[in-house]
Protein backbone atom coordinates (compact mmCIF):
# COMPACT_ATOMS: atom_id res chain seq x y z
CA VAL A 1 3.69 11.89 45.82
CA PRO A 2 6.85 11.28 45.12
CA THR A 3 9.05 13.27 43.10
CA PHE A 4 9.72 10.84 40.34
CA VAL A 5 5.79 10.43 40.01
CA ARG A 6 5.24 14.21 39.57
CA GLU A 7 7.62 14.09 36.71
CA ASP A 8 6.46 11.04 35.31
CA TYR A 9 2.93 12.23 35.06
CA GLY A 10 4.07 15.82 34.17
CA VAL A 11 6.53 14.31 30.72
CA MET A 12 3.72 11.44 30.19
CA ARG A 13 0.42 14.53 29.89
CA THR A 14 2.99 16.77 28.37
CA LEU A 15 3.74 14.04 25.53
CA LEU A 16 0.27 13.68 24.62
CA ALA A 17 -0.79 17.28 24.74
CA GLY A 18 2.46 17.57 22.45
CA GLY A 19 0.83 15.33 20.19
CA ASN A 20 -2.16 17.46 20.01
CA PHE A 21 -4.27 13.89 21.72
CA LEU A 22 -6.39 16.17 23.91
CA GLN A 23 -8.68 12.64 24.43
CA ALA A 24 -5.56 11.32 26.12
CA VAL A 25 -4.60 14.11 28.19
CA TRP A 26 -8.07 14.08 29.69
CA MET A 27 -8.64 10.55 30.26
CA LEU A 28 -4.53 11.18 32.18
CA HIS A 29 -6.75 13.74 33.78
CA ARG A 30 -9.55 11.87 35.24
CA LEU A 31 -6.87 8.81 36.40
CA ALA A 32 -4.19 11.42 38.42
CA SER A 33 -5.62 10.77 41.86
CA VAL A 34 -6.05 7.32 41.00
CA TYR A 35 -2.40 7.00 39.87
CA PHE A 36 -0.88 9.09 42.42
CA ASP A 37 -2.43 7.10 45.19
CA LEU A 38 -1.50 3.83 43.76
CA ALA A 39 2.31 5.22 43.11
CA ASP A 40 2.20 6.48 46.87
CA THR A 41 0.80 3.04 48.15
CA LEU A 42 3.69 1.42 45.66
CA SER A 43 6.69 3.75 46.40
CA THR A 44 7.51 2.04 49.60
CA SER A 45 8.46 -1.01 47.83
CA MET A 46 9.14 0.07 44.25
CA GLY A 47 10.99 2.77 43.61
CA PRO A 48 11.54 4.26 39.90
CA PRO A 49 13.81 1.47 37.16
CA ALA A 50 16.82 1.52 37.80
CA ASN A 51 17.17 2.08 33.66
CA ASP A 52 14.49 5.03 33.96
CA VAL A 53 17.28 7.63 33.00
CA PRO A 54 19.57 5.79 30.26
CA ALA A 55 16.57 4.08 28.76
CA HIS A 56 14.40 7.35 28.15
CA GLY A 57 17.55 8.97 26.76
CA ALA A 58 18.09 5.95 24.46
CA PHE A 59 14.76 6.41 23.58
CA PHE A 60 14.51 9.99 22.87
CA ASP A 61 18.39 9.59 20.79
CA ALA A 62 16.54 8.02 18.46
CA LEU A 63 13.73 10.10 17.62
CA ALA A 64 16.12 12.42 17.67
CA ALA A 65 18.16 10.27 15.12
CA GLY A 66 14.32 9.78 12.81
CA ASP A 67 14.90 5.96 13.83
CA THR A 68 11.50 5.88 14.84
CA GLU A 69 11.59 1.86 15.03
CA LEU A 70 14.37 1.70 17.33
CA ALA A 71 12.76 4.45 19.38
CA VAL A 72 9.31 2.05 19.61
CA LYS A 73 12.19 -0.92 20.47
CA ARG A 74 13.50 1.06 23.24
CA ILE A 75 10.52 2.58 24.83
CA ASP A 76 8.94 -1.00 24.82
CA ASP A 77 11.77 -3.26 26.18
CA TYR A 78 11.62 -0.56 29.19
CA LEU A 79 8.12 -0.40 29.35
CA GLY A 80 8.24 -4.64 29.99
CA ASN A 81 10.42 -4.41 32.42
CA HIS A 82 8.41 -1.78 33.85
CA ASP A 83 5.47 -3.53 34.30
CA ARG A 84 7.27 -6.59 35.22
CA GLN A 85 8.40 -4.48 38.39
CA LEU A 86 4.90 -3.37 38.64
CA THR A 87 3.60 -6.84 38.45
CA ALA A 88 5.95 -8.21 40.98
CA ALA A 89 5.23 -5.18 43.50
CA LEU A 90 1.30 -5.31 43.03
CA GLU A 91 1.59 -9.46 43.59
CA ALA A 92 4.06 -8.59 46.77
CA LEU A 93 0.63 -6.65 48.48
CA ALA A 94 -2.06 -9.33 47.73
C-alpha cells in the first residue's frame, strides 16, 4: 500500500478519534482492508491529488483561525476534486 494511503488513513483515524467519534473510528477500521485494496488497485493510475498539501494546509489554517465556514469550503473543494479524480480512475477500470 502506498505511503500516501497509509498516512491518509492515519489522519482520518486520528481526526475521528480526536473528535471522540468512536463509531466512525470503528467503521473506518472495519473498512480498512477494502480501502487499502482499492487504493492498491488504483495506485498505478491515480496518485494523491496535486493540491493535497496546500489544500490541507488551507483547511487547517482556516480551522486554526476559527473560520469554520472557510474550513468547510476548503475541504469541500478538495474532496470534490478528489472524488472527480477517483470517479475517472474507476471508470477507466470498467
